N, C-alpha and C. Protein backbone atom coordinates (compact mmCIF):
# COMPACT_ATOMS: atom_id res chain seq x y z
N UNK A 1 0.85 -1.16 0.00
CA UNK A 1 0.00 0.00 0.00
C UNK A 1 0.90 1.23 0.00
N UNK A 2 0.65 2.11 -0.90
CA UNK A 2 1.47 3.31 -1.03
C UNK A 2 0.76 4.48 -0.36
N UNK A 3 1.51 5.21 0.41
CA UNK A 3 0.97 6.40 1.07
C UNK A 3 1.48 7.62 0.31
N UNK A 4 0.59 8.51 0.07
CA UNK A 4 1.02 9.75 -0.55
C UNK A 4 0.42 10.90 0.25
N UNK A 5 1.15 11.93 0.36
CA UNK A 5 0.67 13.10 1.09
C UNK A 5 0.89 14.33 0.23
N UNK A 6 -0.01 15.21 0.36
CA UNK A 6 0.08 16.46 -0.39
C UNK A 6 0.47 17.54 0.61
N UNK A 7 1.56 18.17 0.35
CA UNK A 7 2.02 19.25 1.21
C UNK A 7 1.72 20.57 0.51
N UNK A 8 0.90 21.34 1.16
CA UNK A 8 0.58 22.64 0.59
C UNK A 8 1.34 23.71 1.34
N UNK A 9 1.85 24.63 0.59
CA UNK A 9 2.54 25.75 1.22
C UNK A 9 1.50 26.79 1.63
N UNK A 10 1.25 26.88 2.92
CA UNK A 10 0.31 27.88 3.41
C UNK A 10 1.08 28.85 4.29
N UNK A 11 0.78 30.08 4.10
CA UNK A 11 1.44 31.13 4.88
C UNK A 11 0.36 31.90 5.62
N UNK A 12 0.52 32.01 6.90
CA UNK A 12 -0.43 32.77 7.71
C UNK A 12 -0.21 34.25 7.46
N UNK A 13 -1.29 34.93 7.16
CA UNK A 13 -1.17 36.37 6.95
C UNK A 13 -1.51 37.08 8.24
N UNK A 14 -0.68 38.00 8.67
CA UNK A 14 -0.96 38.71 9.91
C UNK A 14 -2.14 39.67 9.76
N UNK A 15 -2.89 39.81 10.84
CA UNK A 15 -4.02 40.74 10.86
C UNK A 15 -3.53 42.03 11.49
N UNK A 16 -3.70 43.15 10.80
CA UNK A 16 -3.24 44.43 11.37
C UNK A 16 -3.99 44.79 12.65
N UNK A 17 -3.30 45.45 13.54
CA UNK A 17 -3.89 45.83 14.84
C UNK A 17 -5.07 46.77 14.62
N UNK A 18 -5.02 47.62 13.61
CA UNK A 18 -6.11 48.57 13.38
C UNK A 18 -7.41 47.86 13.01
N UNK A 19 -7.33 46.60 12.55
CA UNK A 19 -8.53 45.83 12.27
C UNK A 19 -9.02 45.07 13.50
N UNK A 20 -8.14 44.73 14.38
CA UNK A 20 -8.51 43.98 15.59
C UNK A 20 -8.98 44.93 16.69
N UNK A 21 -8.44 46.11 16.77
CA UNK A 21 -8.69 47.04 17.88
C UNK A 21 -10.18 47.34 18.09
N UNK A 22 -10.97 47.67 17.06
CA UNK A 22 -12.39 47.94 17.33
C UNK A 22 -13.12 46.74 17.94
N UNK A 23 -12.80 45.54 17.47
CA UNK A 23 -13.43 44.34 18.01
C UNK A 23 -12.97 44.07 19.44
N UNK A 24 -11.72 44.35 19.73
CA UNK A 24 -11.21 44.16 21.09
C UNK A 24 -11.87 45.15 22.06
N UNK A 25 -12.06 46.38 21.62
CA UNK A 25 -12.74 47.38 22.46
C UNK A 25 -14.19 46.97 22.68
N UNK A 26 -14.86 46.54 21.62
CA UNK A 26 -16.25 46.10 21.74
C UNK A 26 -16.38 44.92 22.70
N UNK A 27 -15.49 43.95 22.56
CA UNK A 27 -15.50 42.79 23.46
C UNK A 27 -15.21 43.18 24.90
N UNK A 28 -14.28 44.12 25.09
CA UNK A 28 -13.97 44.60 26.44
C UNK A 28 -15.15 45.31 27.08
N UNK A 29 -15.87 46.11 26.30
CA UNK A 29 -17.05 46.80 26.83
C UNK A 29 -18.16 45.80 27.19
N UNK A 30 -18.35 44.79 26.35
CA UNK A 30 -19.34 43.76 26.69
C UNK A 30 -18.95 43.01 27.95
N UNK A 31 -17.66 42.75 28.11
CA UNK A 31 -17.16 42.07 29.30
C UNK A 31 -17.41 42.93 30.54
N UNK A 32 -17.10 44.23 30.46
CA UNK A 32 -17.33 45.11 31.61
C UNK A 32 -18.81 45.23 31.95
N UNK A 33 -19.66 45.28 30.94
CA UNK A 33 -21.09 45.34 31.19
C UNK A 33 -21.58 44.07 31.88
N UNK A 34 -21.11 42.92 31.40
CA UNK A 34 -21.49 41.66 32.04
C UNK A 34 -20.98 41.59 33.47
N UNK A 35 -19.75 42.03 33.71
CA UNK A 35 -19.20 42.02 35.07
C UNK A 35 -19.97 42.95 35.99
N UNK A 36 -20.45 44.09 35.45
CA UNK A 36 -21.26 44.99 36.28
C UNK A 36 -22.54 44.28 36.71
N UNK A 37 -23.25 43.70 35.76
CA UNK A 37 -24.53 43.07 36.11
C UNK A 37 -24.34 41.86 37.00
N UNK A 38 -23.26 41.13 36.83
CA UNK A 38 -23.04 39.95 37.67
C UNK A 38 -22.50 40.35 39.03
N UNK A 39 -21.61 41.33 39.08
CA UNK A 39 -20.92 41.62 40.33
C UNK A 39 -21.45 42.78 41.15
N UNK A 40 -22.11 43.76 40.52
CA UNK A 40 -22.43 44.98 41.27
C UNK A 40 -23.93 45.25 41.35
N UNK A 41 -24.69 44.82 40.37
CA UNK A 41 -26.11 45.15 40.29
C UNK A 41 -26.88 44.50 41.44
N UNK A 42 -26.91 45.21 42.54
CA UNK A 42 -27.60 44.69 43.72
C UNK A 42 -27.66 45.80 44.77
N UNK A 43 -28.76 45.92 45.44
CA UNK A 43 -28.87 46.81 46.58
C UNK A 43 -28.83 48.29 46.22
N UNK A 44 -28.06 49.08 46.98
CA UNK A 44 -28.04 50.53 46.86
C UNK A 44 -27.46 51.00 45.52
N UNK A 45 -26.59 50.22 44.91
CA UNK A 45 -25.96 50.62 43.66
C UNK A 45 -26.75 50.16 42.43
N UNK A 46 -27.92 49.60 42.62
CA UNK A 46 -28.69 49.02 41.52
C UNK A 46 -29.25 50.10 40.60
N UNK A 47 -29.16 49.86 39.31
CA UNK A 47 -29.76 50.75 38.32
C UNK A 47 -31.23 50.43 38.16
N UNK A 48 -31.56 49.14 38.19
CA UNK A 48 -32.94 48.70 38.00
C UNK A 48 -33.57 48.40 39.35
N UNK A 49 -34.82 48.77 39.51
CA UNK A 49 -35.55 48.50 40.75
C UNK A 49 -35.90 47.02 40.83
N UNK A 50 -36.02 46.53 42.04
CA UNK A 50 -36.39 45.13 42.23
C UNK A 50 -35.18 44.22 42.20
N UNK A 51 -35.46 42.94 42.25
CA UNK A 51 -34.40 41.94 42.31
C UNK A 51 -34.35 41.10 41.03
N UNK A 52 -34.93 41.59 39.93
CA UNK A 52 -35.00 40.79 38.71
C UNK A 52 -33.62 40.49 38.14
N UNK A 53 -32.79 41.50 38.02
CA UNK A 53 -31.45 41.29 37.47
C UNK A 53 -30.63 40.42 38.41
N UNK A 54 -30.74 40.67 39.69
CA UNK A 54 -30.00 39.88 40.67
C UNK A 54 -30.38 38.41 40.58
N UNK A 55 -31.65 38.13 40.51
CA UNK A 55 -32.08 36.74 40.44
C UNK A 55 -31.69 36.10 39.11
N UNK A 56 -31.65 36.88 38.04
CA UNK A 56 -31.28 36.35 36.73
C UNK A 56 -29.81 35.92 36.70
N UNK A 57 -28.94 36.67 37.37
CA UNK A 57 -27.50 36.36 37.35
C UNK A 57 -27.03 35.71 38.66
N UNK A 58 -27.96 35.28 39.49
CA UNK A 58 -27.62 34.76 40.81
C UNK A 58 -26.64 33.59 40.77
N UNK A 59 -26.91 32.59 39.95
CA UNK A 59 -26.02 31.43 39.89
C UNK A 59 -24.66 31.81 39.32
N UNK A 60 -24.65 32.74 38.36
CA UNK A 60 -23.38 33.21 37.81
C UNK A 60 -22.54 33.92 38.85
N UNK A 61 -23.19 34.63 39.76
CA UNK A 61 -22.46 35.30 40.84
C UNK A 61 -21.72 34.28 41.69
N UNK A 62 -22.41 33.22 42.07
CA UNK A 62 -21.79 32.19 42.90
C UNK A 62 -20.70 31.43 42.14
N UNK A 63 -20.93 31.17 40.85
CA UNK A 63 -19.96 30.47 40.04
C UNK A 63 -18.66 31.26 39.95
N UNK A 64 -18.75 32.60 39.84
CA UNK A 64 -17.58 33.45 39.72
C UNK A 64 -17.01 33.88 41.08
N UNK A 65 -17.66 33.49 42.17
CA UNK A 65 -17.14 33.78 43.49
C UNK A 65 -17.58 35.11 44.09
N UNK A 66 -18.61 35.75 43.52
CA UNK A 66 -19.12 36.99 44.11
C UNK A 66 -20.08 36.65 45.23
N UNK A 67 -19.90 37.22 46.41
CA UNK A 67 -20.87 36.98 47.49
C UNK A 67 -22.13 37.80 47.26
N UNK A 68 -23.27 37.24 47.62
CA UNK A 68 -24.51 38.01 47.48
C UNK A 68 -25.51 37.72 48.59
N UNK A 69 -25.14 36.93 49.57
CA UNK A 69 -26.06 36.66 50.68
C UNK A 69 -25.46 37.21 51.94
């Protein structure tokens, strides 16, 4: 049985930072927004009235180690 392999010359093209930067900023802002709702949205600092947001992210708070009780 003969084995043959095809070797293709592939060259990775670098992505310029100016193309990555807007997506990195967008991702960072989404991360900060998620961290706010998971870590801070509760009690006196709450933007929304009631406990709806707190209860929605309650398990995530415990998973990430934020105390809430």
